[in-house]
């Protein structure tokens, strides 16, 4: 009797929904991102799951605020 789905080749959507340790290849849910300040255009590296408010180094405006698990960007641009 064949299986209803392929266990060796899961879809990317299924992998994203799984727990980080139960994926086929373990990978974290968190990441770092570069955020550019809209006022002084300085780039600040921010952790995606940071638990504190992130301020700009140059003009001390609020770049990110913590929410339920992930950072909320406040009027800032993400640069890659």
PDB file of N, CA and C in Angstrom:
ATOM      1  N   UNK A   1       0.839  -1.175   0.000  1.00  0.00           N
ATOM      2  CA  UNK A   1       0.000   0.000   0.000  1.00  0.00           C
ATOM      3  C   UNK A   1       0.893   1.249   0.000  1.00  0.00           C
ATOM      4  N   UNK A   2       0.795   2.116  -1.001  1.00  0.00           N
ATOM      5  CA  UNK A   2       1.653   3.306  -1.070  1.00  0.00           C
ATOM      6  C   UNK A   2       1.209   4.377  -0.064  1.00  0.00           C
ATOM      7  N   UNK A   3       2.179   5.189   0.332  1.00  0.00           N
ATOM      8  CA  UNK A   3       1.883   6.282   1.259  1.00  0.00           C
ATOM      9  C   UNK A   3       1.191   7.427   0.523  1.00  0.00           C
ATOM     10  N   UNK A   4       0.444   8.217   1.255  1.00  0.00           N
ATOM     11  CA  UNK A   4      -0.285   9.335   0.654  1.00  0.00           C
ATOM     12  C   UNK A   4       0.637  10.494   0.303  1.00  0.00           C
ATOM     13  N   UNK A   5       1.775  10.629   1.017  1.00  0.00           N
ATOM     14  CA  UNK A   5       2.710  11.712   0.706  1.00  0.00           C
ATOM     15  C   UNK A   5       4.141  11.200   0.789  1.00  0.00           C
ATOM     16  N   UNK A   6       5.024  11.880   0.116  1.00  0.00           N
ATOM     17  CA  UNK A   6       6.426  11.495   0.042  1.00  0.00           C
ATOM     18  C   UNK A   6       7.161  12.013   1.277  1.00  0.00           C
ATOM     19  N   UNK A   7       7.732  11.114   2.074  1.00  0.00           N
ATOM     20  CA  UNK A   7       8.421  11.507   3.295  1.00  0.00           C
ATOM     21  C   UNK A   7       9.839  12.000   3.036  1.00  0.00           C
ATOM     22  N   UNK A   8      10.460  11.571   1.949  1.00  0.00           N
ATOM     23  CA  UNK A   8      11.825  11.994   1.643  1.00  0.00           C
ATOM     24  C   UNK A   8      11.892  13.350   0.957  1.00  0.00           C
ATOM     25  N   UNK A   9      10.823  13.769   0.317  1.00  0.00           N
ATOM     26  CA  UNK A   9      10.820  15.031  -0.419  1.00  0.00           C
ATOM     27  C   UNK A   9       9.612  15.872  -0.005  1.00  0.00           C
ATOM     28  N   UNK A  10       9.638  16.442   1.208  1.00  0.00           N
ATOM     29  CA  UNK A  10       8.500  17.259   1.645  1.00  0.00           C
ATOM     30  C   UNK A  10       8.489  18.604   0.916  1.00  0.00           C
ATOM     31  N   UNK A  11       7.336  19.200   0.831  1.00  0.00           N
ATOM     32  CA  UNK A  11       7.222  20.507   0.185  1.00  0.00           C
ATOM     33  C   UNK A  11       7.816  21.575   1.098  1.00  0.00           C
ATOM     34  N   UNK A  12       8.247  22.698   0.546  1.00  0.00           N
ATOM     35  CA  UNK A  12       8.793  23.772   1.393  1.00  0.00           C
ATOM     36  C   UNK A  12       7.792  24.298   2.424  1.00  0.00           C
ATOM     37  N   UNK A  13       6.504  24.273   2.091  1.00  0.00           N
ATOM     38  CA  UNK A  13       5.496  24.734   3.044  1.00  0.00           C
ATOM     39  C   UNK A  13       5.416  23.808   4.254  1.00  0.00           C
ATOM     40  N   UNK A  14       5.529  22.497   4.013  1.00  0.00           N
ATOM     41  CA  UNK A  14       5.512  21.543   5.122  1.00  0.00           C
ATOM     42  C   UNK A  14       6.747  21.702   5.999  1.00  0.00           C
ATOM     43  N   UNK A  15       7.888  21.934   5.393  1.00  0.00           N
ATOM     44  CA  UNK A  15       9.129  22.108   6.152  1.00  0.00           C
ATOM     45  C   UNK A  15       9.072  23.368   7.009  1.00  0.00           C
ATOM     46  N   UNK A  16       8.474  24.432   6.501  1.00  0.00           N
ATOM     47  CA  UNK A  16       8.395  25.681   7.248  1.00  0.00           C
ATOM     48  C   UNK A  16       7.492  25.538   8.470  1.00  0.00           C
ATOM     49  N   UNK A  17       6.444  24.724   8.364  1.00  0.00           N
ATOM     50  CA  UNK A  17       5.503  24.539   9.466  1.00  0.00           C
ATOM     51  C   UNK A  17       6.047  23.632  10.562  1.00  0.00           C
ATOM     52  N   UNK A  18       6.997  22.778  10.237  1.00  0.00           N
ATOM     53  CA  UNK A  18       7.544  21.853  11.234  1.00  0.00           C
ATOM     54  C   UNK A  18       8.413  22.570  12.252  1.00  0.00           C
ATOM     55  N   UNK A  19       8.602  21.909  13.387  1.00  0.00           N
ATOM     56  CA  UNK A  19       9.500  22.412  14.420  1.00  0.00           C
ATOM     57  C   UNK A  19      10.925  22.416  13.879  1.00  0.00           C
ATOM     58  N   UNK A  20      11.746  23.356  14.350  1.00  0.00           N
ATOM     59  CA  UNK A  20      13.096  23.513  13.803  1.00  0.00           C
ATOM     60  C   UNK A  20      13.974  22.279  13.983  1.00  0.00           C
ATOM     61  N   UNK A  21      13.711  21.442  14.966  1.00  0.00           N
ATOM     62  CA  UNK A  21      14.521  20.240  15.174  1.00  0.00           C
ATOM     63  C   UNK A  21      13.933  19.009  14.506  1.00  0.00           C
ATOM     64  N   UNK A  22      12.721  19.084  14.003  1.00  0.00           N
ATOM     65  CA  UNK A  22      12.076  17.932  13.369  1.00  0.00           C
ATOM     66  C   UNK A  22      12.068  18.032  11.850  1.00  0.00           C
ATOM     67  N   UNK A  23      12.752  19.029  11.293  1.00  0.00           N
ATOM     68  CA  UNK A  23      12.840  19.170   9.844  1.00  0.00           C
ATOM     69  C   UNK A  23      13.813  18.148   9.286  1.00  0.00           C
ATOM     70  N   UNK A  24      13.750  17.942   7.974  1.00  0.00           N
ATOM     71  CA  UNK A  24      14.656  17.010   7.315  1.00  0.00           C
ATOM     72  C   UNK A  24      16.104  17.465   7.505  1.00  0.00           C
ATOM     73  N   UNK A  25      16.354  18.756   7.316  1.00  0.00           N
ATOM     74  CA  UNK A  25      17.638  19.379   7.621  1.00  0.00           C
ATOM     75  C   UNK A  25      17.347  20.467   8.643  1.00  0.00           C
ATOM     76  N   UNK A  26      17.950  20.358   9.832  1.00  0.00           N
ATOM     77  CA  UNK A  26      17.653  21.305  10.900  1.00  0.00           C
ATOM     78  C   UNK A  26      18.122  22.698  10.527  1.00  0.00           C
ATOM     79  N   UNK A  27      17.274  23.694  10.762  1.00  0.00           N
ATOM     80  CA  UNK A  27      17.633  25.085  10.506  1.00  0.00           C
ATOM     81  C   UNK A  27      16.878  25.967  11.494  1.00  0.00           C
ATOM     82  N   UNK A  28      17.490  27.068  11.923  1.00  0.00           N
ATOM     83  CA  UNK A  28      16.833  27.927  12.912  1.00  0.00           C
ATOM     84  C   UNK A  28      15.721  28.766  12.294  1.00  0.00           C
ATOM     85  N   UNK A  29      14.815  29.241  13.138  1.00  0.00           N
ATOM     86  CA  UNK A  29      13.738  30.120  12.697  1.00  0.00           C
ATOM     87  C   UNK A  29      14.157  31.586  12.736  1.00  0.00           C
ATOM     88  N   UNK A  30      15.209  31.902  13.464  1.00  0.00           N
ATOM     89  CA  UNK A  30      15.635  33.288  13.628  1.00  0.00           C
ATOM     90  C   UNK A  30      16.694  33.649  12.588  1.00  0.00           C
ATOM     91  N   UNK A  31      16.916  34.956  12.427  1.00  0.00           N
ATOM     92  CA  UNK A  31      17.879  35.452  11.446  1.00  0.00           C
ATOM     93  C   UNK A  31      18.301  36.863  11.832  1.00  0.00           C
ATOM     94  N   UNK A  32      19.388  37.335  11.233  1.00  0.00           N
ATOM     95  CA  UNK A  32      19.851  38.701  11.410  1.00  0.00           C
ATOM     96  C   UNK A  32      19.472  39.500  10.172  1.00  0.00           C
ATOM     97  N   UNK A  33      19.157  40.782  10.356  1.00  0.00           N
ATOM     98  CA  UNK A  33      18.819  41.631   9.219  1.00  0.00           C
ATOM     99  C   UNK A  33      19.466  42.999   9.404  1.00  0.00           C
ATOM    100  N   UNK A  34      19.833  43.619   8.290  1.00  0.00           N
ATOM    101  CA  UNK A  34      20.381  44.965   8.301  1.00  0.00           C
ATOM    102  C   UNK A  34      19.235  45.942   8.102  1.00  0.00           C
ATOM    103  N   UNK A  35      19.102  46.899   9.024  1.00  0.00           N
ATOM    104  CA  UNK A  35      18.016  47.874   8.975  1.00  0.00           C
ATOM    105  C   UNK A  35      18.628  49.249   8.767  1.00  0.00           C
ATOM    106  N   UNK A  36      18.119  49.977   7.768  1.00  0.00           N
ATOM    107  CA  UNK A  36      18.608  51.317   7.474  1.00  0.00           C
ATOM    108  C   UNK A  36      17.684  52.340   8.118  1.00  0.00           C
ATOM    109  N   UNK A  37      18.253  53.279   8.856  1.00  0.00           N
ATOM    110  CA  UNK A  37      17.484  54.321   9.521  1.00  0.00           C
ATOM    111  C   UNK A  37      16.934  55.290   8.476  1.00  0.00           C
ATOM    112  N   UNK A  38      15.641  55.640   8.547  1.00  0.00           N
ATOM    113  CA  UNK A  38      15.087  56.573   7.559  1.00  0.00           C
ATOM    114  C   UNK A  38      15.562  58.008   7.751  1.00  0.00           C
ATOM    115  N   UNK A  39      16.071  58.356   8.936  1.00  0.00           N
ATOM    116  CA  UNK A  39      16.505  59.727   9.189  1.00  0.00           C
ATOM    117  C   UNK A  39      17.948  59.993   8.804  1.00  0.00           C
ATOM    118  N   UNK A  40      18.872  59.146   9.281  1.00  0.00           N
ATOM    119  CA  UNK A  40      20.298  59.409   9.043  1.00  0.00           C
ATOM    120  C   UNK A  40      20.937  58.392   8.108  1.00  0.00           C
ATOM    121  N   UNK A  41      20.196  57.399   7.634  1.00  0.00           N
ATOM    122  CA  UNK A  41      20.641  56.395   6.665  1.00  0.00           C
ATOM    123  C   UNK A  41      21.799  55.535   7.157  1.00  0.00           C
ATOM    124  N   UNK A  42      21.948  55.374   8.474  1.00  0.00           N
ATOM    125  CA  UNK A  42      22.950  54.445   9.007  1.00  0.00           C
ATOM    126  C   UNK A  42      22.344  53.051   9.049  1.00  0.00           C
ATOM    127  N   UNK A  43      23.185  52.040   8.846  1.00  0.00           N
ATOM    128  CA  UNK A  43      22.733  50.654   8.829  1.00  0.00           C
ATOM    129  C   UNK A  43      23.045  50.007  10.176  1.00  0.00           C
ATOM    130  N   UNK A  44      22.042  49.360  10.760  1.00  0.00           N
ATOM    131  CA  UNK A  44      22.174  48.673  12.041  1.00  0.00           C
ATOM    132  C   UNK A  44      21.772  47.217  11.855  1.00  0.00           C
ATOM    133  N   UNK A  45      22.557  46.285  12.391  1.00  0.00           N
ATOM    134  CA  UNK A  45      22.224  44.865  12.332  1.00  0.00           C
ATOM    135  C   UNK A  45      21.311  44.525  13.502  1.00  0.00           C
ATOM    136  N   UNK A  46      20.171  43.882  13.185  1.00  0.00           N
ATOM    137  CA  UNK A  46      19.149  43.586  14.183  1.00  0.00           C
ATOM    138  C   UNK A  46      18.844  42.097  14.137  1.00  0.00           C
ATOM    139  N   UNK A  47      18.686  41.490  15.312  1.00  0.00           N
ATOM    140  CA  UNK A  47      18.285  40.091  15.419  1.00  0.00           C
ATOM    141  C   UNK A  47      16.772  40.011  15.300  1.00  0.00           C
ATOM    142  N   UNK A  48      16.266  39.020  14.573  1.00  0.00           N
ATOM    143  CA  UNK A  48      14.827  38.948  14.292  1.00  0.00           C
ATOM    144  C   UNK A  48      13.986  38.681  15.537  1.00  0.00           C
ATOM    145  N   UNK A  49      14.526  37.988  16.524  1.00  0.00           N
ATOM    146  CA  UNK A  49      13.764  37.659  17.726  1.00  0.00           C
ATOM    147  C   UNK A  49      14.295  38.408  18.958  1.00  0.00           C
ATOM    148  N   UNK A  50      14.839  39.605  18.760  1.00  0.00           N
ATOM    149  CA  UNK A  50      15.360  40.390  19.884  1.00  0.00           C
ATOM    150  C   UNK A  50      14.223  40.790  20.814  1.00  0.00           C
ATOM    151  N   UNK A  51      14.527  40.914  22.091  1.00  0.00           N
ATOM    152  CA  UNK A  51      13.498  41.198  23.085  1.00  0.00           C
ATOM    153  C   UNK A  51      13.584  42.609  23.638  1.00  0.00           C
ATOM    154  N   UNK A  52      14.438  43.442  23.061  1.00  0.00           N
ATOM    155  CA  UNK A  52      14.561  44.825  23.505  1.00  0.00           C
ATOM    156  C   UNK A  52      14.307  45.761  22.330  1.00  0.00           C
ATOM    157  N   UNK A  53      14.030  47.017  22.639  1.00  0.00           N
ATOM    158  CA  UNK A  53      13.826  48.032  21.609  1.00  0.00           C
ATOM    159  C   UNK A  53      15.183  48.378  21.009  1.00  0.00           C
ATOM    160  N   UNK A  54      15.267  48.442  19.674  1.00  0.00           N
ATOM    161  CA  UNK A  54      16.517  48.761  18.987  1.00  0.00           C
ATOM    162  C   UNK A  54      16.458  50.212  18.540  1.00  0.00           C
ATOM    163  N   UNK A  55      17.463  50.994  18.956  1.00  0.00           N
ATOM    164  CA  UNK A  55      17.547  52.404  18.602  1.00  0.00           C
ATOM    165  C   UNK A  55      18.653  52.623  17.587  1.00  0.00           C
ATOM    166  N   UNK A  56      18.518  53.672  16.789  1.00  0.00           N
ATOM    167  CA  UNK A  56      19.557  54.038  15.826  1.00  0.00           C
ATOM    168  C   UNK A  56      20.750  54.610  16.582  1.00  0.00           C
ATOM    169  N   UNK A  57      21.954  54.288  16.125  1.00  0.00           N
ATOM    170  CA  UNK A  57      23.169  54.763  16.781  1.00  0.00           C
ATOM    171  C   UNK A  57      23.360  56.253  16.534  1.00  0.00           C
ATOM    172  N   UNK A  58      23.017  56.716  15.330  1.00  0.00           N
ATOM    173  CA  UNK A  58      23.254  58.107  14.970  1.00  0.00           C
ATOM    174  C   UNK A  58      22.242  59.079  15.547  1.00  0.00           C
ATOM    175  N   UNK A  59      20.946  58.812  15.334  1.00  0.00           N
ATOM    176  CA  UNK A  59      19.926  59.799  15.722  1.00  0.00           C
ATOM    177  C   UNK A  59      19.004  59.299  16.828  1.00  0.00           C
ATOM    178  N   UNK A  60      19.220  58.128  17.348  1.00  0.00           N
ATOM    179  CA  UNK A  60      18.482  57.497  18.452  1.00  0.00           C
ATOM    180  C   UNK A  60      16.971  57.437  18.224  1.00  0.00           C
ATOM    181  N   UNK A  61      16.554  57.178  16.983  1.00  0.00           N
ATOM    182  CA  UNK A  61      15.141  56.913  16.717  1.00  0.00           C
ATOM    183  C   UNK A  61      14.887  55.417  16.879  1.00  0.00           C
ATOM    184  N   UNK A  62      13.657  55.039  17.152  1.00  0.00           N
ATOM    185  CA  UNK A  62      13.300  53.636  17.350  1.00  0.00           C
ATOM    186  C   UNK A  62      13.232  52.946  15.993  1.00  0.00           C
ATOM    187  N   UNK A  63      14.039  51.900  15.810  1.00  0.00           N
ATOM    188  CA  UNK A  63      14.030  51.136  14.564  1.00  0.00           C
ATOM    189  C   UNK A  63      13.125  49.922  14.669  1.00  0.00           C
ATOM    190  N   UNK A  64      13.200  49.195  15.788  1.00  0.00           N
ATOM    191  CA  UNK A  64      12.416  47.970  15.963  1.00  0.00           C
ATOM    192  C   UNK A  64      11.868  47.898  17.379  1.00  0.00           C
ATOM    193  N   UNK A  65      10.667  47.336  17.477  1.00  0.00           N
ATOM    194  CA  UNK A  65      10.053  47.104  18.772  1.00  0.00           C
ATOM    195  C   UNK A  65       9.726  45.626  18.896  1.00  0.00           C
ATOM    196  N   UNK A  66       9.925  45.030  20.073  1.00  0.00           N
ATOM    197  CA  UNK A  66       9.610  43.609  20.232  1.00  0.00           C
ATOM    198  C   UNK A  66       8.103  43.374  20.275  1.00  0.00           C
ATOM    199  N   UNK A  67       7.671  42.268  19.662  1.00  0.00           N
ATOM    200  CA  UNK A  67       6.274  41.839  19.714  1.00  0.00           C
ATOM    201  C   UNK A  67       6.271  40.393  20.181  1.00  0.00           C
ATOM    202  N   UNK A  68       5.285  39.638  19.841  1.00  0.00           N
ATOM    203  CA  UNK A  68       5.176  38.239  20.251  1.00  0.00           C
ATOM    204  C   UNK A  68       6.162  37.370  19.482  1.00  0.00           C
ATOM    205  N   UNK A  69       7.442  37.412  19.836  1.00  0.00           N
ATOM    206  CA  UNK A  69       8.427  36.533  19.229  1.00  0.00           C
ATOM    207  C   UNK A  69       9.298  37.184  18.184  1.00  0.00           C
ATOM    208  N   UNK A  70       8.750  38.065  17.346  1.00  0.00           N
ATOM    209  CA  UNK A  70       9.544  38.685  16.290  1.00  0.00           C
ATOM    210  C   UNK A  70       9.551  40.193  16.463  1.00  0.00           C
ATOM    211  N   UNK A  71      10.538  40.835  15.823  1.00  0.00           N
ATOM    212  CA  UNK A  71      10.656  42.280  15.882  1.00  0.00           C
ATOM    213  C   UNK A  71       9.668  42.932  14.928  1.00  0.00           C
ATOM    214  N   UNK A  72       9.113  44.057  15.317  1.00  0.00           N
ATOM    215  CA  UNK A  72       8.243  44.845  14.460  1.00  0.00           C
ATOM    216  C   UNK A  72       9.038  46.049  13.990  1.00  0.00           C
ATOM    217  N   UNK A  73       9.199  46.204  12.680  1.00  0.00           N
ATOM    218  CA  UNK A  73       9.961  47.320  12.138  1.00  0.00           C
ATOM    219  C   UNK A  73       9.109  48.580  12.157  1.00  0.00           C
ATOM    220  N   UNK A  74       9.674  49.650  12.686  1.00  0.00           N
ATOM    221  CA  UNK A  74       8.956  50.920  12.765  1.00  0.00           C
ATOM    222  C   UNK A  74       9.573  51.903  11.774  1.00  0.00           C
ATOM    223  N   UNK A  75       9.005  52.020  10.589  1.00  0.00           N
ATOM    224  CA  UNK A  75       9.413  53.002   9.572  1.00  0.00           C
ATOM    225  C   UNK A  75      10.870  52.852   9.156  1.00  0.00           C
ATOM    226  N   UNK A  76      11.397  51.685   9.077  1.00  0.00           N
ATOM    227  CA  UNK A  76      12.785  51.482   8.670  1.00  0.00           C
ATOM    228  C   UNK A  76      12.824  50.567   7.455  1.00  0.00           C
ATOM    229  N   UNK A  77      13.900  50.672   6.676  1.00  0.00           N
ATOM    230  CA  UNK A  77      14.063  49.836   5.494  1.00  0.00           C
ATOM    231  C   UNK A  77      15.029  48.704   5.795  1.00  0.00           C
ATOM    232  N   UNK A  78      14.709  47.514   5.295  1.00  0.00           N
ATOM    233  CA  UNK A  78      15.600  46.367   5.435  1.00  0.00           C
ATOM    234  C   UNK A  78      16.490  46.325   4.207  1.00  0.00           C
ATOM    235  N   UNK A  79      17.801  46.256   4.408  1.00  0.00           N
ATOM    236  CA  UNK A  79      18.739  46.116   3.297  1.00  0.00           C
ATOM    237  C   UNK A  79      19.366  44.738   3.366  1.00  0.00           C
ATOM    238  N   UNK A  80      19.620  44.159   2.235  1.00  0.00           N
ATOM    239  CA  UNK A  80      20.192  42.807   2.196  1.00  0.00           C
ATOM    240  C   UNK A  80      21.682  42.845   1.999  1.00  0.00           C
TER     241      UNK A  80
END
